[in-house]
Amino acid sequence: MNFEKITQKDINRVSEEELADVFEREELLEKQFEKPDKLFRGTRKQGIEEFDPKNNKKFRDKNEGSVVFATPDKAFASMFLVPEADDSWTLKGKMNGNWYTVIASREMYEQLDKGGSIYEIDDLDDFYCDEQKGMGKCEWVSKEKIKPAKEEQFDSALDAMLREGVQVYFVDKDTFLKIKNSDDYGMSILRKIKSEKIIKK
């Protein structure tokens, strides 16, 4: 529901919680720091003409509900072409300003890697960012349907990450757990491990 289109009839029929969420999002939009010029969304599915938040089964906040996720960082977007790569066996982070991912099983990742697309979004009117949620400034969301402006297809999710400069580390399960449970986010371990070779554009 758009804030500008709220009528008394709308107010009477929505719950207090839903109404509070509408006003909270509008307040975020009004106080928003400068929006990026464009956003990116990475997904396995190719040929998408419209992103509908209702199709997103995962949400970061039950009060916020379903949203369309996007990021101003194309490299970060490239890390989402394999939807099964969750926190149970992969990690994502930044080291020295560069994105990296740690993957506990090369074999599993390669089996699940079916390629995908990175979509560019130019119309950001309905997007907002809450620095207190998710990945902060790297995570923008919309409650409305979104039409992407461009699509870049990849045959391999791994190639997409390497082309966008993501440092990819394939490790065994024991090393993965050590990195995940370390006090320094695994930095001391990762510095001793060789990452996959970045693909130059």
C-alpha atoms as a PDB file:
ATOM      1  CA  MET A   1       0.000   0.000   0.000  1.00  0.00           C
ATOM      2  CA  ASN A   2       1.423   3.406  -0.982  1.00  0.00           C
ATOM      3  CA  PHE A   3       1.458   5.992   1.791  1.00  0.00           C
ATOM      4  CA  GLU A   4       0.072   8.673  -0.521  1.00  0.00           C
ATOM      5  CA  LYS A   5      -2.954   6.522  -1.360  1.00  0.00           C
ATOM      6  CA  ILE A   6      -4.072   5.794   2.210  1.00  0.00           C
ATOM      7  CA  THR A   7      -7.715   6.784   2.743  1.00  0.00           C
ATOM      8  CA  GLN A   8      -9.891   6.685   5.844  1.00  0.00           C
ATOM      9  CA  LYS A   9     -11.382   3.492   4.470  1.00  0.00           C
ATOM     10  CA  ASP A  10      -7.887   1.986   4.294  1.00  0.00           C
ATOM     11  CA  ILE A  11      -7.147   3.067   7.850  1.00  0.00           C
ATOM     12  CA  ASN A  12     -10.338   1.456   9.103  1.00  0.00           C
ATOM     13  CA  ARG A  13      -9.672  -1.883   7.451  1.00  0.00           C
ATOM     14  CA  VAL A  14      -5.964  -2.426   8.173  1.00  0.00           C
ATOM     15  CA  SER A  15      -4.646  -3.516  11.534  1.00  0.00           C
ATOM     16  CA  GLU A  16      -2.693  -1.111  13.729  1.00  0.00           C
ATOM     17  CA  GLU A  17       0.432  -3.160  13.102  1.00  0.00           C
ATOM     18  CA  GLU A  18       0.064  -2.914   9.318  1.00  0.00           C
ATOM     19  CA  LEU A  19      -0.586   0.803   9.485  1.00  0.00           C
ATOM     20  CA  ALA A  20       2.430   1.352  11.715  1.00  0.00           C
ATOM     21  CA  ASP A  21       4.549  -0.533   9.174  1.00  0.00           C
ATOM     22  CA  VAL A  22       3.316   1.725   6.348  1.00  0.00           C
ATOM     23  CA  PHE A  23       4.192   4.866   8.271  1.00  0.00           C
ATOM     24  CA  GLU A  24       7.552   3.426   9.326  1.00  0.00           C
ATOM     25  CA  ARG A  25       8.501   2.771   5.699  1.00  0.00           C
ATOM     26  CA  GLU A  26       7.362   6.245   4.658  1.00  0.00           C
ATOM     27  CA  GLU A  27       9.429   7.761   7.454  1.00  0.00           C
ATOM     28  CA  LEU A  28      12.459   5.827   6.236  1.00  0.00           C
ATOM     29  CA  LEU A  29      11.886   7.138   2.718  1.00  0.00           C
ATOM     30  CA  GLU A  30      11.689  10.729   3.985  1.00  0.00           C
ATOM     31  CA  LYS A  31      14.841  10.413   6.104  1.00  0.00           C
ATOM     32  CA  GLN A  32      16.664   8.370   3.504  1.00  0.00           C
ATOM     33  CA  PHE A  33      20.300   9.008   2.834  1.00  0.00           C
ATOM     34  CA  GLU A  34      21.120   9.531  -0.822  1.00  0.00           C
ATOM     35  CA  LYS A  35      19.908   6.715  -3.020  1.00  0.00           C
ATOM     36  CA  PRO A  36      22.303   5.002  -5.415  1.00  0.00           C
ATOM     37  CA  ASP A  37      21.883   5.518  -9.169  1.00  0.00           C
ATOM     38  CA  LYS A  38      20.870   1.892  -9.662  1.00  0.00           C
ATOM     39  CA  LEU A  39      20.438  -1.386  -7.857  1.00  0.00           C
ATOM     40  CA  PHE A  40      21.194  -4.987  -8.737  1.00  0.00           C
ATOM     41  CA  ARG A  41      19.439  -8.247  -7.979  1.00  0.00           C
ATOM     42  CA  GLY A  42      21.027 -11.648  -8.517  1.00  0.00           C
ATOM     43  CA  THR A  43      18.921 -14.768  -8.981  1.00  0.00           C
ATOM     44  CA  ARG A  44      19.034 -18.172 -10.645  1.00  0.00           C
ATOM     45  CA  LYS A  45      15.935 -17.395 -12.717  1.00  0.00           C
ATOM     46  CA  GLN A  46      16.497 -15.854 -16.125  1.00  0.00           C
ATOM     47  CA  GLY A  47      14.131 -13.856 -18.299  1.00  0.00           C
ATOM     48  CA  ILE A  48      12.275 -12.209 -15.413  1.00  0.00           C
ATOM     49  CA  GLU A  49      10.208  -9.212 -16.525  1.00  0.00           C
ATOM     50  CA  GLU A  50       8.864  -8.265 -13.086  1.00  0.00           C
ATOM     51  CA  PHE A  51       9.784  -8.986  -9.480  1.00  0.00           C
ATOM     52  CA  ASP A  52       6.787  -9.458  -7.198  1.00  0.00           C
ATOM     53  CA  PRO A  53       7.430  -9.371  -3.430  1.00  0.00           C
ATOM     54  CA  LYS A  54       4.641 -11.925  -2.971  1.00  0.00           C
ATOM     55  CA  ASN A  55       6.843 -14.497  -4.703  1.00  0.00           C
ATOM     56  CA  ASN A  56       9.580 -14.075  -2.108  1.00  0.00           C
ATOM     57  CA  LYS A  57       9.078 -16.780   0.516  1.00  0.00           C
ATOM     58  CA  LYS A  58      11.862 -15.445   2.744  1.00  0.00           C
ATOM     59  CA  PHE A  59      11.634 -12.210   4.709  1.00  0.00           C
ATOM     60  CA  ARG A  60      13.963 -10.497   7.124  1.00  0.00           C
ATOM     61  CA  ASP A  61      11.262  -9.119   9.431  1.00  0.00           C
ATOM     62  CA  LYS A  62       7.821 -10.652  10.020  1.00  0.00           C
ATOM     63  CA  ASN A  63       6.309  -7.189  10.537  1.00  0.00           C
ATOM     64  CA  GLU A  64       7.789  -5.942   7.284  1.00  0.00           C
ATOM     65  CA  GLY A  65       6.672  -9.016   5.359  1.00  0.00           C
ATOM     66  CA  SER A  66       7.707  -9.989   1.844  1.00  0.00           C
ATOM     67  CA  VAL A  67       9.908  -7.597  -0.099  1.00  0.00           C
ATOM     68  CA  VAL A  68      12.004  -7.439  -3.245  1.00  0.00           C
ATOM     69  CA  PHE A  69      15.677  -7.353  -2.283  1.00  0.00           C
ATOM     70  CA  ALA A  70      18.340  -5.480  -4.251  1.00  0.00           C
ATOM     71  CA  THR A  71      21.782  -4.011  -3.661  1.00  0.00           C
ATOM     72  CA  PRO A  72      23.851  -1.139  -5.081  1.00  0.00           C
ATOM     73  CA  ASP A  73      26.837  -3.527  -5.228  1.00  0.00           C
ATOM     74  CA  LYS A  74      26.873  -5.781  -8.297  1.00  0.00           C
ATOM     75  CA  ALA A  75      29.521  -8.035  -6.756  1.00  0.00           C
ATOM     76  CA  PHE A  76      27.269  -8.645  -3.757  1.00  0.00           C
ATOM     77  CA  ALA A  77      24.351  -9.412  -6.098  1.00  0.00           C
ATOM     78  CA  SER A  78      26.449 -12.044  -7.872  1.00  0.00           C
ATOM     79  CA  MET A  79      26.606 -14.059  -4.642  1.00  0.00           C
ATOM     80  CA  PHE A  80      22.908 -14.993  -4.796  1.00  0.00           C
ATOM     81  CA  LEU A  81      22.700 -17.011  -8.005  1.00  0.00           C
ATOM     82  CA  VAL A  82      22.671 -20.256  -6.022  1.00  0.00           C
ATOM     83  CA  PRO A  83      19.672 -19.900  -3.659  1.00  0.00           C
ATOM     84  CA  GLU A  84      20.554 -23.058  -1.713  1.00  0.00           C
ATOM     85  CA  ALA A  85      23.867 -21.537  -0.612  1.00  0.00           C
ATOM     86  CA  ASP A  86      22.651 -20.516   2.841  1.00  0.00           C
ATOM     87  CA  ASP A  87      24.481 -19.783   6.102  1.00  0.00           C
ATOM     88  CA  SER A  88      24.653 -23.457   7.067  1.00  0.00           C
ATOM     89  CA  TRP A  89      27.488 -24.119   4.589  1.00  0.00           C
ATOM     90  CA  THR A  90      28.478 -20.762   3.090  1.00  0.00           C
ATOM     91  CA  LEU A  91      29.588 -17.412   4.514  1.00  0.00           C
ATOM     92  CA  LYS A  92      29.583 -13.943   2.974  1.00  0.00           C
ATOM     93  CA  GLY A  93      31.542 -10.924   4.099  1.00  0.00           C
ATOM     94  CA  LYS A  94      33.958  -8.129   3.239  1.00  0.00           C
ATOM     95  CA  MET A  95      37.718  -8.140   3.691  1.00  0.00           C
ATOM     96  CA  ASN A  96      39.821  -5.087   2.862  1.00  0.00           C
ATOM     97  CA  GLY A  97      36.834  -3.611   1.033  1.00  0.00           C
ATOM     98  CA  ASN A  98      36.310  -6.664  -1.171  1.00  0.00           C
ATOM     99  CA  TRP A  99      33.479  -9.175  -0.980  1.00  0.00           C
ATOM    100  CA  TYR A 100      34.345 -12.769  -0.225  1.00  0.00           C
ATOM    101  CA  THR A 101      32.477 -16.014   0.231  1.00  0.00           C
ATOM    102  CA  VAL A 102      33.550 -19.188   2.004  1.00  0.00           C
ATOM    103  CA  ILE A 103      31.982 -22.402   0.710  1.00  0.00           C
ATOM    104  CA  ALA A 104      32.197 -25.657   2.674  1.00  0.00           C
ATOM    105  CA  SER A 105      31.788 -27.989  -0.302  1.00  0.00           C
ATOM    106  CA  ARG A 106      33.007 -27.377  -3.841  1.00  0.00           C
ATOM    107  CA  GLU A 107      31.224 -30.536  -5.025  1.00  0.00           C
ATOM    108  CA  MET A 108      27.860 -29.444  -3.593  1.00  0.00           C
ATOM    109  CA  TYR A 109      28.195 -25.918  -4.954  1.00  0.00           C
ATOM    110  CA  GLU A 110      29.091 -27.106  -8.443  1.00  0.00           C
ATOM    111  CA  GLN A 111      26.123 -29.497  -8.455  1.00  0.00           C
ATOM    112  CA  LEU A 112      23.761 -26.664  -7.514  1.00  0.00           C
ATOM    113  CA  ASP A 113      25.326 -24.084  -9.826  1.00  0.00           C
ATOM    114  CA  LYS A 114      22.926 -23.717 -12.764  1.00  0.00           C
ATOM    115  CA  GLY A 115      23.956 -20.184 -13.664  1.00  0.00           C
ATOM    116  CA  GLY A 116      21.563 -17.265 -13.410  1.00  0.00           C
ATOM    117  CA  SER A 117      21.184 -13.552 -14.041  1.00  0.00           C
ATOM    118  CA  ILE A 118      22.051 -10.232 -12.471  1.00  0.00           C
ATOM    119  CA  TYR A 119      19.295  -7.692 -13.082  1.00  0.00           C
ATOM    120  CA  GLU A 120      19.834  -3.940 -13.107  1.00  0.00           C
ATOM    121  CA  ILE A 121      17.091  -1.779 -11.613  1.00  0.00           C
ATOM    122  CA  ASP A 122      16.947   1.909 -12.532  1.00  0.00           C
ATOM    123  CA  ASP A 123      13.589   2.945 -11.046  1.00  0.00           C
ATOM    124  CA  LEU A 124      14.245   3.211  -7.306  1.00  0.00           C
ATOM    125  CA  ASP A 125      11.188   5.216  -6.238  1.00  0.00           C
ATOM    126  CA  ASP A 126       9.717   2.402  -4.138  1.00  0.00           C
ATOM    127  CA  PHE A 127      12.979   1.236  -2.584  1.00  0.00           C
ATOM    128  CA  TYR A 128      14.054   2.049   0.952  1.00  0.00           C
ATOM    129  CA  CYS A 129      16.962   1.028   3.170  1.00  0.00           C
ATOM    130  CA  ASP A 130      16.941   0.358   6.897  1.00  0.00           C
ATOM    131  CA  GLU A 131      20.519   0.318   8.156  1.00  0.00           C
ATOM    132  CA  GLN A 132      19.398  -1.593  11.248  1.00  0.00           C
ATOM    133  CA  LYS A 133      18.234  -4.587   9.201  1.00  0.00           C
ATOM    134  CA  GLY A 134      19.946  -7.176   7.052  1.00  0.00           C
ATOM    135  CA  MET A 135      23.123  -5.959   5.363  1.00  0.00           C
ATOM    136  CA  GLY A 136      22.545  -2.276   6.140  1.00  0.00           C
ATOM    137  CA  LYS A 137      23.377   0.080   3.269  1.00  0.00           C
ATOM    138  CA  CYS A 138      24.079  -2.900   1.004  1.00  0.00           C
ATOM    139  CA  GLU A 139      20.468  -4.049   1.262  1.00  0.00           C
ATOM    140  CA  TRP A 140      17.570  -2.125  -0.270  1.00  0.00           C
ATOM    141  CA  VAL A 141      14.007  -3.403  -0.414  1.00  0.00           C
ATOM    142  CA  SER A 142      10.670  -2.639  -2.018  1.00  0.00           C
ATOM    143  CA  LYS A 143       7.156  -3.702  -1.061  1.00  0.00           C
ATOM    144  CA  GLU A 144       5.995  -3.006  -4.614  1.00  0.00           C
ATOM    145  CA  LYS A 145       6.404  -4.916  -7.878  1.00  0.00           C
ATOM    146  CA  ILE A 146       9.624  -4.003  -9.667  1.00  0.00           C
ATOM    147  CA  LYS A 147      10.499  -4.121 -13.367  1.00  0.00           C
ATOM    148  CA  PRO A 148      14.229  -4.521 -14.089  1.00  0.00           C
ATOM    149  CA  ALA A 149      15.847  -2.370 -16.774  1.00  0.00           C
ATOM    150  CA  LYS A 150      18.559  -4.814 -17.892  1.00  0.00           C
ATOM    151  CA  GLU A 151      19.539  -8.449 -17.486  1.00  0.00           C
ATOM    152  CA  GLU A 152      23.012  -9.995 -17.673  1.00  0.00           C
ATOM    153  CA  GLN A 153      22.974 -13.782 -17.949  1.00  0.00           C
ATOM    154  CA  PHE A 154      25.645 -16.153 -16.683  1.00  0.00           C
ATOM    155  CA  ASP A 155      26.103 -19.857 -17.404  1.00  0.00           C
ATOM    156  CA  SER A 156      27.845 -20.265 -14.056  1.00  0.00           C
ATOM    157  CA  ALA A 157      27.239 -18.581 -10.700  1.00  0.00           C
ATOM    158  CA  LEU A 158      30.888 -19.133  -9.803  1.00  0.00           C
ATOM    159  CA  ASP A 159      31.999 -17.342 -12.983  1.00  0.00           C
ATOM    160  CA  ALA A 160      29.620 -14.476 -12.183  1.00  0.00           C
ATOM    161  CA  MET A 161      31.221 -13.991  -8.765  1.00  0.00           C
ATOM    162  CA  LEU A 162      34.758 -14.231 -10.095  1.00  0.00           C
ATOM    163  CA  ARG A 163      33.998 -11.753 -12.898  1.00  0.00           C
ATOM    164  CA  GLU A 164      32.637  -9.287 -10.340  1.00  0.00           C
ATOM    165  CA  GLY A 165      35.735  -9.591  -8.164  1.00  0.00           C
ATOM    166  CA  VAL A 166      34.375 -11.739  -5.337  1.00  0.00           C
ATOM    167  CA  GLN A 167      37.069 -13.742  -3.554  1.00  0.00           C
ATOM    168  CA  VAL A 168      35.797 -17.328  -3.442  1.00  0.00           C
ATOM    169  CA  TYR A 169      37.236 -19.797  -0.939  1.00  0.00           C
ATOM    170  CA  PHE A 170      36.390 -23.494  -1.164  1.00  0.00           C
ATOM    171  CA  VAL A 171      37.248 -25.220   2.122  1.00  0.00           C
ATOM    172  CA  ASP A 172      36.521 -28.484   3.920  1.00  0.00           C
ATOM    173  CA  LYS A 173      33.856 -28.695   6.620  1.00  0.00           C
ATOM    174  CA  ASP A 174      36.303 -28.515   9.533  1.00  0.00           C
ATOM    175  CA  THR A 175      37.943 -25.359   8.183  1.00  0.00           C
ATOM    176  CA  PHE A 176      34.529 -23.854   7.509  1.00  0.00           C
ATOM    177  CA  LEU A 177      33.467 -24.381  11.133  1.00  0.00           C
ATOM    178  CA  LYS A 178      36.733 -22.898  12.402  1.00  0.00           C
ATOM    179  CA  ILE A 179      36.196 -19.814  10.251  1.00  0.00           C
ATOM    180  CA  LYS A 180      32.538 -19.524  11.276  1.00  0.00           C
ATOM    181  CA  ASN A 181      33.331 -19.784  14.995  1.00  0.00           C
ATOM    182  CA  SER A 182      36.528 -17.719  15.051  1.00  0.00           C
ATOM    183  CA  ASP A 183      36.812 -14.464  16.983  1.00  0.00           C
ATOM    184  CA  ASP A 184      38.131 -12.500  14.010  1.00  0.00           C
ATOM    185  CA  TYR A 185      35.482 -13.683  11.488  1.00  0.00           C
ATOM    186  CA  GLY A 186      38.034 -16.110  10.078  1.00  0.00           C
ATOM    187  CA  MET A 187      40.383 -13.411   8.761  1.00  0.00           C
ATOM    188  CA  SER A 188      43.530 -15.061  10.175  1.00  0.00           C
ATOM    189  CA  ILE A 189      42.558 -18.369   8.527  1.00  0.00           C
ATOM    190  CA  LEU A 190      41.529 -16.877   5.179  1.00  0.00           C
ATOM    191  CA  ARG A 191      44.831 -15.018   4.839  1.00  0.00           C
ATOM    192  CA  LYS A 192      46.556 -18.413   4.678  1.00  0.00           C
ATOM    193  CA  ILE A 193      44.173 -19.885   2.091  1.00  0.00           C
ATOM    194  CA  LYS A 194      44.341 -19.295  -1.641  1.00  0.00           C
ATOM    195  CA  SER A 195      41.099 -18.083  -3.216  1.00  0.00           C
ATOM    196  CA  GLU A 196      39.861 -18.881  -6.719  1.00  0.00           C
ATOM    197  CA  LYS A 197      41.394 -16.788  -9.469  1.00  0.00           C
ATOM    198  CA  ILE A 198      39.451 -13.649 -10.324  1.00  0.00           C
ATOM    199  CA  ILE A 199      38.303 -13.486 -13.951  1.00  0.00           C
ATOM    200  CA  LYS A 200      39.338 -10.229 -15.589  1.00  0.00           C
ATOM    201  CA  LYS A 201      36.626  -8.493 -17.616  1.00  0.00           C
END
